[in-house]
Amino acid sequence: MTSDGSWEIPPLDDAPDIARTPESQPGQALADARNRAGFVLLFIGGLVTIAAAAIGVAGYRGPAVVGAVIAIVIVLGGTALIVLERRNARSRPSRTAEPEAPASWQAVVPPGA
């Protein structure tokens, strides 16, 4: 059995479609592949922070400060990448901005009919 388009359950009333809200959903930033570079930098910055703390505890203050500065730069860079990509994604026109053609099962009824 094949269909001509995307399969969709027909609406039973004029209720709003709550399954596809325009707001961002939980975890959407993590699932977006464009944010991966920023999250990788945040992870590396966290690892460098842990290493700098361990070096500082071992008594090497100079290398610990250098590691902390490097960690701060990496974390700020990762945060900047994520923020800039989110801002860029908001400025792009949405693909769902234009109305879709009615599904094949929907009858086109003019207003007031």
PDB file of N, CA and C in Angstrom:
ATOM      1  N   MET A   1       0.841  -1.170   0.000  1.00  0.00           N
ATOM      2  CA  MET A   1       0.000   0.000   0.000  1.00  0.00           C
ATOM      3  C   MET A   1       0.886   1.233   0.000  1.00  0.00           C
ATOM      4  N   THR A   2       0.679   2.112  -0.932  1.00  0.00           N
ATOM      5  CA  THR A   2       1.488   3.326  -1.029  1.00  0.00           C
ATOM      6  C   THR A   2       0.589   4.547  -0.926  1.00  0.00           C
ATOM      7  N   SER A   3       1.183   5.655  -0.577  1.00  0.00           N
ATOM      8  CA  SER A   3       0.431   6.909  -0.518  1.00  0.00           C
ATOM      9  C   SER A   3       1.147   7.944  -1.368  1.00  0.00           C
ATOM     10  N   ASP A   4       0.410   8.983  -1.760  1.00  0.00           N
ATOM     11  CA  ASP A   4       0.973  10.006  -2.632  1.00  0.00           C
ATOM     12  C   ASP A   4       1.809  11.021  -1.888  1.00  0.00           C
ATOM     13  N   GLY A   5       1.640  11.182  -0.629  1.00  0.00           N
ATOM     14  CA  GLY A   5       2.366  12.201   0.121  1.00  0.00           C
ATOM     15  C   GLY A   5       2.634  11.727   1.531  1.00  0.00           C
ATOM     16  N   SER A   6       2.931  12.696   2.369  1.00  0.00           N
ATOM     17  CA  SER A   6       3.165  12.338   3.752  1.00  0.00           C
ATOM     18  C   SER A   6       1.832  11.962   4.385  1.00  0.00           C
ATOM     19  N   TRP A   7       1.837  10.907   5.146  1.00  0.00           N
ATOM     20  CA  TRP A   7       0.616  10.434   5.765  1.00  0.00           C
ATOM     21  C   TRP A   7       0.344  11.263   7.003  1.00  0.00           C
ATOM     22  N   GLU A   8      -0.882  11.658   7.171  1.00  0.00           N
ATOM     23  CA  GLU A   8      -1.235  12.491   8.301  1.00  0.00           C
ATOM     24  C   GLU A   8      -2.643  12.144   8.754  1.00  0.00           C
ATOM     25  N   ILE A   9      -2.860  12.172  10.058  1.00  0.00           N
ATOM     26  CA  ILE A   9      -4.186  11.910  10.597  1.00  0.00           C
ATOM     27  C   ILE A   9      -5.052  13.143  10.339  1.00  0.00           C
ATOM     28  N   PRO A  10      -6.223  12.982   9.797  1.00  0.00           N
ATOM     29  CA  PRO A  10      -7.063  14.150   9.531  1.00  0.00           C
ATOM     30  C   PRO A  10      -7.540  14.787  10.836  1.00  0.00           C
ATOM     31  N   PRO A  11      -7.634  16.113  10.874  1.00  0.00           N
ATOM     32  CA  PRO A  11      -8.097  16.769  12.086  1.00  0.00           C
ATOM     33  C   PRO A  11      -9.587  16.525  12.296  1.00  0.00           C
ATOM     34  N   LEU A  12      -9.975  16.345  13.541  1.00  0.00           N
ATOM     35  CA  LEU A  12     -11.373  16.106  13.849  1.00  0.00           C
ATOM     36  C   LEU A  12     -12.117  17.395  14.183  1.00  0.00           C
ATOM     37  N   ASP A  13     -11.397  18.423  14.526  1.00  0.00           N
ATOM     38  CA  ASP A  13     -12.012  19.705  14.832  1.00  0.00           C
ATOM     39  C   ASP A  13     -11.030  20.813  14.481  1.00  0.00           C
ATOM     40  N   ASP A  14     -11.296  22.003  14.908  1.00  0.00           N
ATOM     41  CA  ASP A  14     -10.413  23.133  14.607  1.00  0.00           C
ATOM     42  C   ASP A  14      -9.398  23.367  15.721  1.00  0.00           C
ATOM     43  N   ALA A  15      -9.024  22.324  16.413  1.00  0.00           N
ATOM     44  CA  ALA A  15      -8.068  22.454  17.514  1.00  0.00           C
ATOM     45  C   ALA A  15      -6.689  22.789  16.952  1.00  0.00           C
ATOM     46  N   PRO A  16      -5.900  23.556  17.705  1.00  0.00           N
ATOM     47  CA  PRO A  16      -4.550  23.878  17.220  1.00  0.00           C
ATOM     48  C   PRO A  16      -3.665  22.640  17.222  1.00  0.00           C
ATOM     49  N   ASP A  17      -2.706  22.654  16.335  1.00  0.00           N
ATOM     50  CA  ASP A  17      -1.775  21.539  16.231  1.00  0.00           C
ATOM     51  C   ASP A  17      -0.688  21.716  17.284  1.00  0.00           C
ATOM     52  N   ILE A  18      -0.817  21.005  18.408  1.00  0.00           N
ATOM     53  CA  ILE A  18       0.142  21.160  19.499  1.00  0.00           C
ATOM     54  C   ILE A  18       1.365  20.283  19.313  1.00  0.00           C
ATOM     55  N   ALA A  19       1.338  19.394  18.345  1.00  0.00           N
ATOM     56  CA  ALA A  19       2.490  18.523  18.123  1.00  0.00           C
ATOM     57  C   ALA A  19       3.633  19.255  17.434  1.00  0.00           C
ATOM     58  N   ARG A  20       3.333  20.308  16.681  1.00  0.00           N
ATOM     59  CA  ARG A  20       4.361  21.038  15.950  1.00  0.00           C
ATOM     60  C   ARG A  20       4.312  22.505  16.340  1.00  0.00           C
ATOM     61  N   THR A  21       4.745  22.799  17.545  1.00  0.00           N
ATOM     62  CA  THR A  21       4.744  24.176  18.014  1.00  0.00           C
ATOM     63  C   THR A  21       5.966  24.908  17.472  1.00  0.00           C
ATOM     64  N   PRO A  22       5.874  26.225  17.245  1.00  0.00           N
ATOM     65  CA  PRO A  22       7.022  26.962  16.725  1.00  0.00           C
ATOM     66  C   PRO A  22       8.108  27.217  17.777  1.00  0.00           C
ATOM     67  N   GLU A  23       7.780  27.060  19.062  1.00  0.00           N
ATOM     68  CA  GLU A  23       8.785  27.287  20.107  1.00  0.00           C
ATOM     69  C   GLU A  23       9.821  26.169  20.084  1.00  0.00           C
ATOM     70  N   SER A  24      10.988  26.463  20.620  1.00  0.00           N
ATOM     71  CA  SER A  24      12.021  25.431  20.682  1.00  0.00           C
ATOM     72  C   SER A  24      11.631  24.387  21.718  1.00  0.00           C
ATOM     73  N   GLN A  25      11.929  23.157  21.417  1.00  0.00           N
ATOM     74  CA  GLN A  25      11.585  22.041  22.280  1.00  0.00           C
ATOM     75  C   GLN A  25      12.782  21.662  23.139  1.00  0.00           C
ATOM     76  N   PRO A  26      12.565  20.976  24.277  1.00  0.00           N
ATOM     77  CA  PRO A  26      13.690  20.554  25.112  1.00  0.00           C
ATOM     78  C   PRO A  26      14.633  19.638  24.334  1.00  0.00           C
ATOM     79  N   GLY A  27      15.916  19.922  24.418  1.00  0.00           N
ATOM     80  CA  GLY A  27      16.913  19.105  23.742  1.00  0.00           C
ATOM     81  C   GLY A  27      17.120  19.451  22.289  1.00  0.00           C
ATOM     82  N   GLN A  28      16.420  20.436  21.781  1.00  0.00           N
ATOM     83  CA  GLN A  28      16.548  20.782  20.366  1.00  0.00           C
ATOM     84  C   GLN A  28      17.943  21.319  20.046  1.00  0.00           C
ATOM     85  N   ALA A  29      18.543  22.063  20.971  1.00  0.00           N
ATOM     86  CA  ALA A  29      19.885  22.605  20.729  1.00  0.00           C
ATOM     87  C   ALA A  29      20.915  21.486  20.664  1.00  0.00           C
ATOM     88  N   LEU A  30      20.742  20.445  21.470  1.00  0.00           N
ATOM     89  CA  LEU A  30      21.678  19.321  21.430  1.00  0.00           C
ATOM     90  C   LEU A  30      21.515  18.498  20.159  1.00  0.00           C
ATOM     91  N   ALA A  31      20.296  18.384  19.686  1.00  0.00           N
ATOM     92  CA  ALA A  31      20.048  17.570  18.497  1.00  0.00           C
ATOM     93  C   ALA A  31      20.473  18.277  17.217  1.00  0.00           C
ATOM     94  N   ASP A  32      20.597  19.590  17.249  1.00  0.00           N
ATOM     95  CA  ASP A  32      20.962  20.346  16.060  1.00  0.00           C
ATOM     96  C   ASP A  32      22.445  20.126  15.751  1.00  0.00           C
ATOM     97  N   ALA A  33      22.750  19.624  14.572  1.00  0.00           N
ATOM     98  CA  ALA A  33      24.131  19.309  14.211  1.00  0.00           C
ATOM     99  C   ALA A  33      25.001  20.547  14.075  1.00  0.00           C
ATOM    100  N   ARG A  34      24.388  21.708  13.840  1.00  0.00           N
ATOM    101  CA  ARG A  34      25.175  22.931  13.702  1.00  0.00           C
ATOM    102  C   ARG A  34      25.810  23.349  15.025  1.00  0.00           C
ATOM    103  N   ASN A  35      25.260  22.901  16.141  1.00  0.00           N
ATOM    104  CA  ASN A  35      25.787  23.280  17.450  1.00  0.00           C
ATOM    105  C   ASN A  35      26.890  22.347  17.950  1.00  0.00           C
ATOM    106  N   ARG A  36      27.180  21.294  17.230  1.00  0.00           N
ATOM    107  CA  ARG A  36      28.123  20.291  17.736  1.00  0.00           C
ATOM    108  C   ARG A  36      29.519  20.849  17.963  1.00  0.00           C
ATOM    109  N   ALA A  37      29.987  21.737  17.110  1.00  0.00           N
ATOM    110  CA  ALA A  37      31.332  22.296  17.288  1.00  0.00           C
ATOM    111  C   ALA A  37      31.409  23.061  18.611  1.00  0.00           C
ATOM    112  N   GLY A  38      30.375  23.828  18.922  1.00  0.00           N
ATOM    113  CA  GLY A  38      30.354  24.567  20.178  1.00  0.00           C
ATOM    114  C   GLY A  38      30.309  23.650  21.385  1.00  0.00           C
ATOM    115  N   PHE A  39      29.511  22.591  21.309  1.00  0.00           N
ATOM    116  CA  PHE A  39      29.435  21.661  22.435  1.00  0.00           C
ATOM    117  C   PHE A  39      30.730  20.866  22.600  1.00  0.00           C
ATOM    118  N   VAL A  40      31.405  20.560  21.501  1.00  0.00           N
ATOM    119  CA  VAL A  40      32.705  19.886  21.598  1.00  0.00           C
ATOM    120  C   VAL A  40      33.715  20.806  22.285  1.00  0.00           C
ATOM    121  N   LEU A  41      33.698  22.083  21.927  1.00  0.00           N
ATOM    122  CA  LEU A  41      34.600  23.029  22.592  1.00  0.00           C
ATOM    123  C   LEU A  41      34.271  23.155  24.086  1.00  0.00           C
ATOM    124  N   LEU A  42      32.997  23.166  24.437  1.00  0.00           N
ATOM    125  CA  LEU A  42      32.628  23.214  25.853  1.00  0.00           C
ATOM    126  C   LEU A  42      33.123  21.969  26.593  1.00  0.00           C
ATOM    127  N   PHE A  43      33.009  20.812  25.960  1.00  0.00           N
ATOM    128  CA  PHE A  43      33.495  19.572  26.582  1.00  0.00           C
ATOM    129  C   PHE A  43      35.005  19.616  26.769  1.00  0.00           C
ATOM    130  N   ILE A  44      35.724  20.048  25.736  1.00  0.00           N
ATOM    131  CA  ILE A  44      37.188  20.146  25.841  1.00  0.00           C
ATOM    132  C   ILE A  44      37.577  21.160  26.904  1.00  0.00           C
ATOM    133  N   GLY A  45      36.851  22.288  26.968  1.00  0.00           N
ATOM    134  CA  GLY A  45      37.119  23.285  28.001  1.00  0.00           C
ATOM    135  C   GLY A  45      36.914  22.724  29.399  1.00  0.00           C
ATOM    136  N   GLY A  46      35.895  21.890  29.559  1.00  0.00           N
ATOM    137  CA  GLY A  46      35.685  21.231  30.852  1.00  0.00           C
ATOM    138  C   GLY A  46      36.822  20.293  31.211  1.00  0.00           C
ATOM    139  N   LEU A  47      37.301  19.545  30.225  1.00  0.00           N
ATOM    140  CA  LEU A  47      38.435  18.649  30.481  1.00  0.00           C
ATOM    141  C   LEU A  47      39.695  19.430  30.843  1.00  0.00           C
ATOM    142  N   VAL A  48      39.940  20.535  30.149  1.00  0.00           N
ATOM    143  CA  VAL A  48      41.115  21.361  30.448  1.00  0.00           C
ATOM    144  C   VAL A  48      40.973  21.984  31.838  1.00  0.00           C
ATOM    145  N   THR A  49      39.767  22.345  32.236  1.00  0.00           N
ATOM    146  CA  THR A  49      39.537  22.885  33.571  1.00  0.00           C
ATOM    147  C   THR A  49      39.866  21.850  34.638  1.00  0.00           C
ATOM    148  N   ILE A  50      39.436  20.628  34.426  1.00  0.00           N
ATOM    149  CA  ILE A  50      39.739  19.550  35.382  1.00  0.00           C
ATOM    150  C   ILE A  50      41.241  19.312  35.441  1.00  0.00           C
ATOM    151  N   ALA A  51      41.895  19.317  34.279  1.00  0.00           N
ATOM    152  CA  ALA A  51      43.345  19.108  34.256  1.00  0.00           C
ATOM    153  C   ALA A  51      44.067  20.252  34.958  1.00  0.00           C
ATOM    154  N   ALA A  52      43.611  21.491  34.745  1.00  0.00           N
ATOM    155  CA  ALA A  52      44.236  22.640  35.403  1.00  0.00           C
ATOM    156  C   ALA A  52      44.049  22.564  36.915  1.00  0.00           C
ATOM    157  N   ALA A  53      42.884  22.123  37.358  1.00  0.00           N
ATOM    158  CA  ALA A  53      42.649  21.976  38.794  1.00  0.00           C
ATOM    159  C   ALA A  53      43.551  20.896  39.385  1.00  0.00           C
ATOM    160  N   ALA A  54      43.705  19.791  38.659  1.00  0.00           N
ATOM    161  CA  ALA A  54      44.572  18.721  39.152  1.00  0.00           C
ATOM    162  C   ALA A  54      46.026  19.170  39.205  1.00  0.00           C
ATOM    163  N   ILE A  55      46.467  19.932  38.225  1.00  0.00           N
ATOM    164  CA  ILE A  55      47.839  20.452  38.219  1.00  0.00           C
ATOM    165  C   ILE A  55      48.025  21.441  39.366  1.00  0.00           C
ATOM    166  N   GLY A  56      47.007  22.259  39.630  1.00  0.00           N
ATOM    167  CA  GLY A  56      47.090  23.208  40.738  1.00  0.00           C
ATOM    168  C   GLY A  56      47.150  22.519  42.084  1.00  0.00           C
ATOM    169  N   VAL A  57      46.392  21.446  42.238  1.00  0.00           N
ATOM    170  CA  VAL A  57      46.417  20.693  43.492  1.00  0.00           C
ATOM    171  C   VAL A  57      47.774  20.020  43.688  1.00  0.00           C
ATOM    172  N   ALA A  58      48.413  19.640  42.595  1.00  0.00           N
ATOM    173  CA  ALA A  58      49.721  18.994  42.684  1.00  0.00           C
ATOM    174  C   ALA A  58      50.820  19.978  43.072  1.00  0.00           C
ATOM    175  N   GLY A  59      50.518  21.284  43.046  1.00  0.00           N
ATOM    176  CA  GLY A  59      51.494  22.264  43.501  1.00  0.00           C
ATOM    177  C   GLY A  59      52.158  23.073  42.407  1.00  0.00           C
ATOM    178  N   TYR A  60      51.796  22.871  41.187  1.00  0.00           N
ATOM    179  CA  TYR A  60      52.381  23.623  40.072  1.00  0.00           C
ATOM    180  C   TYR A  60      51.455  24.795  39.732  1.00  0.00           C
ATOM    181  N   ARG A  61      51.685  25.924  40.364  1.00  0.00           N
ATOM    182  CA  ARG A  61      50.781  27.060  40.219  1.00  0.00           C
ATOM    183  C   ARG A  61      50.866  27.707  38.826  1.00  0.00           C
ATOM    184  N   GLY A  62      52.031  27.869  38.274  1.00  0.00           N
ATOM    185  CA  GLY A  62      52.193  28.513  36.959  1.00  0.00           C
ATOM    186  C   GLY A  62      51.467  27.770  35.856  1.00  0.00           C
ATOM    187  N   PRO A  63      51.746  26.472  35.663  1.00  0.00           N
ATOM    188  CA  PRO A  63      51.024  25.725  34.625  1.00  0.00           C
ATOM    189  C   PRO A  63      49.514  25.635  34.886  1.00  0.00           C
ATOM    190  N   ALA A  64      49.111  25.672  36.170  1.00  0.00           N
ATOM    191  CA  ALA A  64      47.685  25.625  36.480  1.00  0.00           C
ATOM    192  C   ALA A  64      46.995  26.906  36.020  1.00  0.00           C
ATOM    193  N   VAL A  65      47.648  28.042  36.204  1.00  0.00           N
ATOM    194  CA  VAL A  65      47.072  29.314  35.760  1.00  0.00           C
ATOM    195  C   VAL A  65      46.991  29.350  34.241  1.00  0.00           C
ATOM    196  N   VAL A  66      48.028  28.881  33.559  1.00  0.00           N
ATOM    197  CA  VAL A  66      48.015  28.834  32.098  1.00  0.00           C
ATOM    198  C   VAL A  66      46.890  27.914  31.612  1.00  0.00           C
ATOM    199  N   GLY A  67      46.738  26.766  32.241  1.00  0.00           N
ATOM    200  CA  GLY A  67      45.647  25.847  31.875  1.00  0.00           C
ATOM    201  C   GLY A  67      44.276  26.451  32.122  1.00  0.00           C
ATOM    202  N   ALA A  68      44.134  27.207  33.226  1.00  0.00           N
ATOM    203  CA  ALA A  68      42.854  27.845  33.518  1.00  0.00           C
ATOM    204  C   ALA A  68      42.527  28.912  32.476  1.00  0.00           C
ATOM    205  N   VAL A  69      43.528  29.674  32.056  1.00  0.00           N
ATOM    206  CA  VAL A  69      43.295  30.701  31.032  1.00  0.00           C
ATOM    207  C   VAL A  69      42.907  30.040  29.711  1.00  0.00           C
ATOM    208  N   ILE A  70      43.582  28.963  29.357  1.00  0.00           N
ATOM    209  CA  ILE A  70      43.250  28.235  28.124  1.00  0.00           C
ATOM    210  C   ILE A  70      41.833  27.675  28.204  1.00  0.00           C
ATOM    211  N   ALA A  71      41.459  27.143  29.370  1.00  0.00           N
ATOM    212  CA  ALA A  71      40.110  26.599  29.550  1.00  0.00           C
ATOM    213  C   ALA A  71      39.058  27.689  29.402  1.00  0.00           C
ATOM    214  N   ILE A  72      39.335  28.868  29.965  1.00  0.00           N
ATOM    215  CA  ILE A  72      38.380  29.975  29.862  1.00  0.00           C
ATOM    216  C   ILE A  72      38.199  30.391  28.407  1.00  0.00           C
ATOM    217  N   VAL A  73      39.293  30.462  27.663  1.00  0.00           N
ATOM    218  CA  VAL A  73      39.210  30.845  26.246  1.00  0.00           C
ATOM    219  C   VAL A  73      38.419  29.812  25.457  1.00  0.00           C
ATOM    220  N   ILE A  74      38.656  28.540  25.711  1.00  0.00           N
ATOM    221  CA  ILE A  74      37.959  27.478  24.981  1.00  0.00           C
ATOM    222  C   ILE A  74      36.465  27.492  25.311  1.00  0.00           C
ATOM    223  N   VAL A  75      36.119  27.642  26.589  1.00  0.00           N
ATOM    224  CA  VAL A  75      34.706  27.663  26.985  1.00  0.00           C
ATOM    225  C   VAL A  75      34.005  28.889  26.401  1.00  0.00           C
ATOM    226  N   LEU A  76      34.649  30.037  26.436  1.00  0.00           N
ATOM    227  CA  LEU A  76      34.041  31.233  25.843  1.00  0.00           C
ATOM    228  C   LEU A  76      33.868  31.080  24.333  1.00  0.00           C
ATOM    229  N   GLY A  77      34.839  30.453  23.675  1.00  0.00           N
ATOM    230  CA  GLY A  77      34.713  30.210  22.232  1.00  0.00           C
ATOM    231  C   GLY A  77      33.560  29.274  21.913  1.00  0.00           C
ATOM    232  N   GLY A  78      33.414  28.206  22.690  1.00  0.00           N
ATOM    233  CA  GLY A  78      32.300  27.277  22.474  1.00  0.00           C
ATOM    234  C   GLY A  78      30.950  27.928  22.722  1.00  0.00           C
ATOM    235  N   THR A  79      30.880  28.733  23.776  1.00  0.00           N
ATOM    236  CA  THR A  79      29.638  29.446  24.070  1.00  0.00           C
ATOM    237  C   THR A  79      29.314  30.437  22.961  1.00  0.00           C
ATOM    238  N   ALA A  80      30.326  31.135  22.470  1.00  0.00           N
ATOM    239  CA  ALA A  80      30.107  32.096  21.381  1.00  0.00           C
ATOM    240  C   ALA A  80      29.625  31.390  20.119  1.00  0.00           C
ATOM    241  N   LEU A  81      30.184  30.224  19.804  1.00  0.00           N
ATOM    242  CA  LEU A  81      29.730  29.485  18.623  1.00  0.00           C
ATOM    243  C   LEU A  81      28.259  29.099  18.738  1.00  0.00           C
ATOM    244  N   ILE A  82      27.852  28.628  19.898  1.00  0.00           N
ATOM    245  CA  ILE A  82      26.460  28.211  20.091  1.00  0.00           C
ATOM    246  C   ILE A  82      25.531  29.413  20.001  1.00  0.00           C
ATOM    247  N   VAL A  83      25.887  30.503  20.667  1.00  0.00           N
ATOM    248  CA  VAL A  83      25.033  31.695  20.651  1.00  0.00           C
ATOM    249  C   VAL A  83      24.929  32.265  19.239  1.00  0.00           C
ATOM    250  N   LEU A  84      26.042  32.348  18.531  1.00  0.00           N
ATOM    251  CA  LEU A  84      26.008  32.887  17.168  1.00  0.00           C
ATOM    252  C   LEU A  84      25.199  32.009  16.227  1.00  0.00           C
ATOM    253  N   GLU A  85      25.296  30.714  16.375  1.00  0.00           N
ATOM    254  CA  GLU A  85      24.530  29.819  15.508  1.00  0.00           C
ATOM    255  C   GLU A  85      23.038  29.918  15.810  1.00  0.00           C
ATOM    256  N   ARG A  86      22.678  30.044  17.071  1.00  0.00           N
ATOM    257  CA  ARG A  86      21.258  30.207  17.408  1.00  0.00           C
ATOM    258  C   ARG A  86      20.731  31.524  16.851  1.00  0.00           C
ATOM    259  N   ARG A  87      21.521  32.580  16.948  1.00  0.00           N
ATOM    260  CA  ARG A  87      21.112  33.875  16.423  1.00  0.00           C
ATOM    261  C   ARG A  87      21.003  33.805  14.895  1.00  0.00           C
ATOM    262  N   ASN A  88      21.924  33.099  14.249  1.00  0.00           N
ATOM    263  CA  ASN A  88      21.890  32.940  12.800  1.00  0.00           C
ATOM    264  C   ASN A  88      20.679  32.117  12.369  1.00  0.00           C
ATOM    265  N   ALA A  89      20.355  31.081  13.126  1.00  0.00           N
ATOM    266  CA  ALA A  89      19.204  30.239  12.785  1.00  0.00           C
ATOM    267  C   ALA A  89      17.906  31.015  12.921  1.00  0.00           C
ATOM    268  N   ARG A  90      17.821  31.924  13.882  1.00  0.00           N
ATOM    269  CA  ARG A  90      16.604  32.721  14.045  1.00  0.00           C
ATOM    270  C   ARG A  90      16.435  33.735  12.924  1.00  0.00           C
ATOM    271  N   SER A  91      17.549  34.224  12.385  1.00  0.00           N
ATOM    272  CA  SER A  91      17.453  35.242  11.338  1.00  0.00           C
ATOM    273  C   SER A  91      17.134  34.633   9.973  1.00  0.00           C
ATOM    274  N   ARG A  92      17.388  33.346   9.796  1.00  0.00           N
ATOM    275  CA  ARG A  92      17.052  32.687   8.531  1.00  0.00           C
ATOM    276  C   ARG A  92      15.544  32.553   8.393  1.00  0.00           C
ATOM    277  N   PRO A  93      15.029  32.701   7.187  1.00  0.00           N
ATOM    278  CA  PRO A  93      13.581  32.503   7.018  1.00  0.00           C
ATOM    279  C   PRO A  93      13.229  31.031   7.229  1.00  0.00           C
ATOM    280  N   SER A  94      12.125  30.825   7.868  1.00  0.00           N
ATOM    281  CA  SER A  94      11.679  29.468   8.157  1.00  0.00           C
ATOM    282  C   SER A  94      11.150  28.811   6.891  1.00  0.00           C
ATOM    283  N   ARG A  95      11.378  27.521   6.770  1.00  0.00           N
ATOM    284  CA  ARG A  95      10.872  26.793   5.605  1.00  0.00           C
ATOM    285  C   ARG A  95       9.359  26.593   5.696  1.00  0.00           C
ATOM    286  N   THR A  96       8.816  26.675   6.902  1.00  0.00           N
ATOM    287  CA  THR A  96       7.383  26.465   7.070  1.00  0.00           C
ATOM    288  C   THR A  96       6.618  27.779   7.055  1.00  0.00           C
ATOM    289  N   ALA A  97       7.257  28.877   6.649  1.00  0.00           N
ATOM    290  CA  ALA A  97       6.606  30.184   6.663  1.00  0.00           C
ATOM    291  C   ALA A  97       5.493  30.275   5.622  1.00  0.00           C
ATOM    292  N   GLU A  98       5.688  29.655   4.473  1.00  0.00           N
ATOM    293  CA  GLU A  98       4.657  29.724   3.455  1.00  0.00           C
ATOM    294  C   GLU A  98       3.654  28.594   3.678  1.00  0.00           C
ATOM    295  N   PRO A  99       2.381  28.861   3.409  1.00  0.00           N
ATOM    296  CA  PRO A  99       1.369  27.830   3.671  1.00  0.00           C
ATOM    297  C   PRO A  99       1.548  26.634   2.744  1.00  0.00           C
ATOM    298  N   GLU A 100       1.298  25.481   3.316  1.00  0.00           N
ATOM    299  CA  GLU A 100       1.424  24.246   2.543  1.00  0.00           C
ATOM    300  C   GLU A 100       0.146  23.991   1.759  1.00  0.00           C
ATOM    301  N   ALA A 101       0.290  23.228   0.708  1.00  0.00           N
ATOM    302  CA  ALA A 101      -0.888  22.822  -0.047  1.00  0.00           C
ATOM    303  C   ALA A 101      -1.692  21.857   0.820  1.00  0.00           C
ATOM    304  N   PRO A 102      -3.013  21.868   0.692  1.00  0.00           N
ATOM    305  CA  PRO A 102      -3.809  20.956   1.516  1.00  0.00           C
ATOM    306  C   PRO A 102      -3.505  19.508   1.158  1.00  0.00           C
ATOM    307  N   ALA A 103      -3.634  18.648   2.155  1.00  0.00           N
ATOM    308  CA  ALA A 103      -3.384  17.223   1.930  1.00  0.00           C
ATOM    309  C   ALA A 103      -4.427  16.681   0.953  1.00  0.00           C
ATOM    310  N   SER A 104      -4.109  15.546   0.352  1.00  0.00           N
ATOM    311  CA  SER A 104      -4.967  14.990  -0.681  1.00  0.00           C
ATOM    312  C   SER A 104      -6.350  14.614  -0.151  1.00  0.00           C
ATOM    313  N   TRP A 105      -6.455  14.326   1.147  1.00  0.00           N
ATOM    314  CA  TRP A 105      -7.732  13.942   1.708  1.00  0.00           C
ATOM    315  C   TRP A 105      -8.576  15.137   2.121  1.00  0.00           C
ATOM    316  N   GLN A 106      -7.976  16.344   2.150  1.00  0.00           N
ATOM    317  CA  GLN A 106      -8.690  17.542   2.570  1.00  0.00           C
ATOM    318  C   GLN A 106      -9.450  18.150   1.401  1.00  0.00           C
ATOM    319  N   ALA A 107     -10.675  18.521   1.657  1.00  0.00           N
ATOM    320  CA  ALA A 107     -11.457  19.220   0.650  1.00  0.00           C
ATOM    321  C   ALA A 107     -11.200  20.719   0.806  1.00  0.00           C
ATOM    322  N   VAL A 108     -10.999  21.395  -0.305  1.00  0.00           N
ATOM    323  CA  VAL A 108     -10.777  22.829  -0.261  1.00  0.00           C
ATOM    324  C   VAL A 108     -12.141  23.515  -0.284  1.00  0.00           C
ATOM    325  N   VAL A 109     -12.456  24.160   0.840  1.00  0.00           N
ATOM    326  CA  VAL A 109     -13.754  24.816   0.978  1.00  0.00           C
ATOM    327  C   VAL A 109     -13.521  26.318   1.052  1.00  0.00           C
ATOM    328  N   PRO A 110     -14.145  27.094   0.167  1.00  0.00           N
ATOM    329  CA  PRO A 110     -13.958  28.541   0.237  1.00  0.00           C
ATOM    330  C   PRO A 110     -14.604  29.091   1.509  1.00  0.00           C
ATOM    331  N   PRO A 111     -14.068  30.212   2.027  1.00  0.00           N
ATOM    332  CA  PRO A 111     -14.653  30.794   3.232  1.00  0.00           C
ATOM    333  C   PRO A 111     -16.092  31.233   3.006  1.00  0.00           C
ATOM    334  N   GLY A 112     -16.924  31.004   3.997  1.00  0.00           N
ATOM    335  CA  GLY A 112     -18.326  31.407   3.929  1.00  0.00           C
ATOM    336  C   GLY A 112     -19.216  30.421   3.203  1.00  0.00           C
ATOM    337  N   ALA A 113     -18.674  29.291   2.794  1.00  0.00           N
ATOM    338  CA  ALA A 113     -19.501  28.320   2.057  1.00  0.00           C
ATOM    339  C   ALA A 113     -20.236  27.405   2.994  1.00  0.00           C
TER     340      ALA A 113
END
